[in-house]
Amino acid sequence: MKLVPLGDRIVLKQLEAEETTKSGIVLPGQNKEKPQQAEVIAVGPGGMVDGKEIKIEVKAGDKVIYSKYAGTEVKLDDDQEFIIVKQSDILAVIE
């Protein structure tokens, strides 16, 4: 199965959360914070969304930071998890 986003939607694959802090403290599973970094898997075509012209500013393969409570989580047949967000929910591109 393949996800093809529409409009200004973007499909993200969440990057793995670090299990240790910078100071070397190991975090147990339930105390790990959900990471806000992800890799762009697919992007919609942009175009007219709610009467405004939307130009897509990210591309597949970019690493991004997105809003903490943004998007819709989707789980596919092969147990892969993705997040579908609007472009406005992406805060920055990591270079």
C-alpha atoms as a PDB file:
ATOM      1  CA  MET A   1       0.000   0.000   0.000  1.00  0.00           C
ATOM      2  CA  LYS A   2       1.270   3.493  -0.845  1.00  0.00           C
ATOM      3  CA  LEU A   3       0.153   6.796   0.689  1.00  0.00           C
ATOM      4  CA  VAL A   4      -0.397   9.628  -1.795  1.00  0.00           C
ATOM      5  CA  PRO A   5      -1.194  12.903   0.009  1.00  0.00           C
ATOM      6  CA  LEU A   6      -3.656  15.435  -1.431  1.00  0.00           C
ATOM      7  CA  GLY A   7      -3.520  19.242  -1.431  1.00  0.00           C
ATOM      8  CA  ASP A   8      -1.026  20.635   1.061  1.00  0.00           C
ATOM      9  CA  ARG A   9      -0.737  17.394   3.049  1.00  0.00           C
ATOM     10  CA  ILE A  10       2.641  15.800   3.760  1.00  0.00           C
ATOM     11  CA  VAL A  11       3.395  12.216   4.859  1.00  0.00           C
ATOM     12  CA  LEU A  12       6.071  11.948   7.569  1.00  0.00           C
ATOM     13  CA  LYS A  13       7.889   8.990   9.115  1.00  0.00           C
ATOM     14  CA  GLN A  14       8.831   9.765  12.677  1.00  0.00           C
ATOM     15  CA  LEU A  15      12.516   9.497  13.576  1.00  0.00           C
ATOM     16  CA  GLU A  16      13.394   7.217  16.492  1.00  0.00           C
ATOM     17  CA  ALA A  17      13.478   8.801  19.948  1.00  0.00           C
ATOM     18  CA  GLU A  18      16.792   8.827  21.745  1.00  0.00           C
ATOM     19  CA  GLU A  19      16.939   6.394  24.650  1.00  0.00           C
ATOM     20  CA  THR A  20      19.609   8.301  26.562  1.00  0.00           C
ATOM     21  CA  THR A  21      19.863  11.991  27.389  1.00  0.00           C
ATOM     22  CA  LYS A  22      22.909  14.099  26.535  1.00  0.00           C
ATOM     23  CA  SER A  23      24.124  13.657  30.105  1.00  0.00           C
ATOM     24  CA  GLY A  24      23.963   9.844  29.737  1.00  0.00           C
ATOM     25  CA  ILE A  25      20.757   9.079  31.648  1.00  0.00           C
ATOM     26  CA  VAL A  26      18.919   6.073  30.181  1.00  0.00           C
ATOM     27  CA  LEU A  27      15.182   6.697  29.723  1.00  0.00           C
ATOM     28  CA  PRO A  28      12.717   3.847  30.315  1.00  0.00           C
ATOM     29  CA  GLY A  29      10.134   3.215  27.563  1.00  0.00           C
ATOM     30  CA  GLN A  30       7.148   5.045  29.050  1.00  0.00           C
ATOM     31  CA  ASN A  31       9.165   8.159  29.952  1.00  0.00           C
ATOM     32  CA  LYS A  32      10.435   8.798  26.447  1.00  0.00           C
ATOM     33  CA  GLU A  33       8.989  11.935  24.919  1.00  0.00           C
ATOM     34  CA  LYS A  34       7.456  11.591  21.478  1.00  0.00           C
ATOM     35  CA  PRO A  35      10.002  13.024  19.028  1.00  0.00           C
ATOM     36  CA  GLN A  36       9.008  15.983  16.891  1.00  0.00           C
ATOM     37  CA  GLN A  37      11.521  15.169  14.163  1.00  0.00           C
ATOM     38  CA  ALA A  38      10.539  13.233  11.072  1.00  0.00           C
ATOM     39  CA  GLU A  39      11.558  12.419   7.532  1.00  0.00           C
ATOM     40  CA  VAL A  40       9.331  13.537   4.651  1.00  0.00           C
ATOM     41  CA  ILE A  41       8.117  10.462   2.747  1.00  0.00           C
ATOM     42  CA  ALA A  42       5.663  12.039   0.264  1.00  0.00           C
ATOM     43  CA  VAL A  43       4.203  15.476  -0.468  1.00  0.00           C
ATOM     44  CA  GLY A  44       0.916  16.591  -1.980  1.00  0.00           C
ATOM     45  CA  PRO A  45       0.736  18.724  -5.119  1.00  0.00           C
ATOM     46  CA  GLY A  46      -0.155  21.973  -3.345  1.00  0.00           C
ATOM     47  CA  GLY A  47      -2.342  24.211  -5.489  1.00  0.00           C
ATOM     48  CA  MET A  48      -5.492  25.967  -4.297  1.00  0.00           C
ATOM     49  CA  VAL A  49      -6.404  25.125  -0.695  1.00  0.00           C
ATOM     50  CA  ASP A  50      -9.255  27.068   0.945  1.00  0.00           C
ATOM     51  CA  GLY A  51      -9.010  29.719  -1.782  1.00  0.00           C
ATOM     52  CA  LYS A  52      -5.289  30.342  -1.278  1.00  0.00           C
ATOM     53  CA  GLU A  53      -2.409  29.311  -3.523  1.00  0.00           C
ATOM     54  CA  ILE A  54      -0.171  26.864  -1.605  1.00  0.00           C
ATOM     55  CA  LYS A  55       3.393  26.175  -2.781  1.00  0.00           C
ATOM     56  CA  ILE A  56       4.966  23.061  -1.258  1.00  0.00           C
ATOM     57  CA  GLU A  57       8.298  24.015   0.323  1.00  0.00           C
ATOM     58  CA  VAL A  58       9.574  20.568   1.395  1.00  0.00           C
ATOM     59  CA  LYS A  59      10.477  17.490  -0.621  1.00  0.00           C
ATOM     60  CA  ALA A  60      10.740  13.758   0.016  1.00  0.00           C
ATOM     61  CA  GLY A  61      13.864  12.954   2.014  1.00  0.00           C
ATOM     62  CA  ASP A  62      13.934  16.242   3.982  1.00  0.00           C
ATOM     63  CA  LYS A  63      14.261  15.978   7.752  1.00  0.00           C
ATOM     64  CA  VAL A  64      11.813  18.326   9.501  1.00  0.00           C
ATOM     65  CA  ILE A  65      10.528  19.436  12.885  1.00  0.00           C
ATOM     66  CA  TYR A  66       6.735  19.531  13.198  1.00  0.00           C
ATOM     67  CA  SER A  67       4.215  20.737  15.786  1.00  0.00           C
ATOM     68  CA  LYS A  68       3.891  18.431  18.784  1.00  0.00           C
ATOM     69  CA  TYR A  69       0.164  17.649  18.485  1.00  0.00           C
ATOM     70  CA  ALA A  70      -0.168  17.976  14.712  1.00  0.00           C
ATOM     71  CA  GLY A  71      -1.383  15.502  12.166  1.00  0.00           C
ATOM     72  CA  THR A  72      -3.107  12.165  11.914  1.00  0.00           C
ATOM     73  CA  GLU A  73      -1.272   8.948  12.733  1.00  0.00           C
ATOM     74  CA  VAL A  74      -1.738   6.139  10.193  1.00  0.00           C
ATOM     75  CA  LYS A  75      -0.634   2.507  10.474  1.00  0.00           C
ATOM     76  CA  LEU A  76      -0.346   0.508   7.236  1.00  0.00           C
ATOM     77  CA  ASP A  77      -0.674  -3.239   6.620  1.00  0.00           C
ATOM     78  CA  ASP A  78       3.031  -3.927   7.164  1.00  0.00           C
ATOM     79  CA  ASP A  79       2.989  -2.220  10.620  1.00  0.00           C
ATOM     80  CA  GLN A  80       4.698   0.925   9.343  1.00  0.00           C
ATOM     81  CA  GLU A  81       3.513   4.077  11.093  1.00  0.00           C
ATOM     82  CA  PHE A  82       3.214   7.457   9.380  1.00  0.00           C
ATOM     83  CA  ILE A  83       1.902  10.890  10.276  1.00  0.00           C
ATOM     84  CA  ILE A  84      -0.034  13.005   7.779  1.00  0.00           C
ATOM     85  CA  VAL A  85       0.245  16.759   8.464  1.00  0.00           C
ATOM     86  CA  LYS A  86      -0.568  20.011   6.711  1.00  0.00           C
ATOM     87  CA  GLN A  87       2.432  21.950   5.464  1.00  0.00           C
ATOM     88  CA  SER A  88       1.625  24.709   7.988  1.00  0.00           C
ATOM     89  CA  ASP A  89       2.279  22.185  10.816  1.00  0.00           C
ATOM     90  CA  ILE A  90       5.929  21.847   9.732  1.00  0.00           C
ATOM     91  CA  LEU A  91       8.020  24.322  11.729  1.00  0.00           C
ATOM     92  CA  ALA A  92      11.493  23.903  10.196  1.00  0.00           C
ATOM     93  CA  VAL A  93      13.697  21.873   7.865  1.00  0.00           C
ATOM     94  CA  ILE A  94      16.818  20.384   9.453  1.00  0.00           C
ATOM     95  CA  GLU A  95      19.915  20.944   7.320  1.00  0.00           C
END
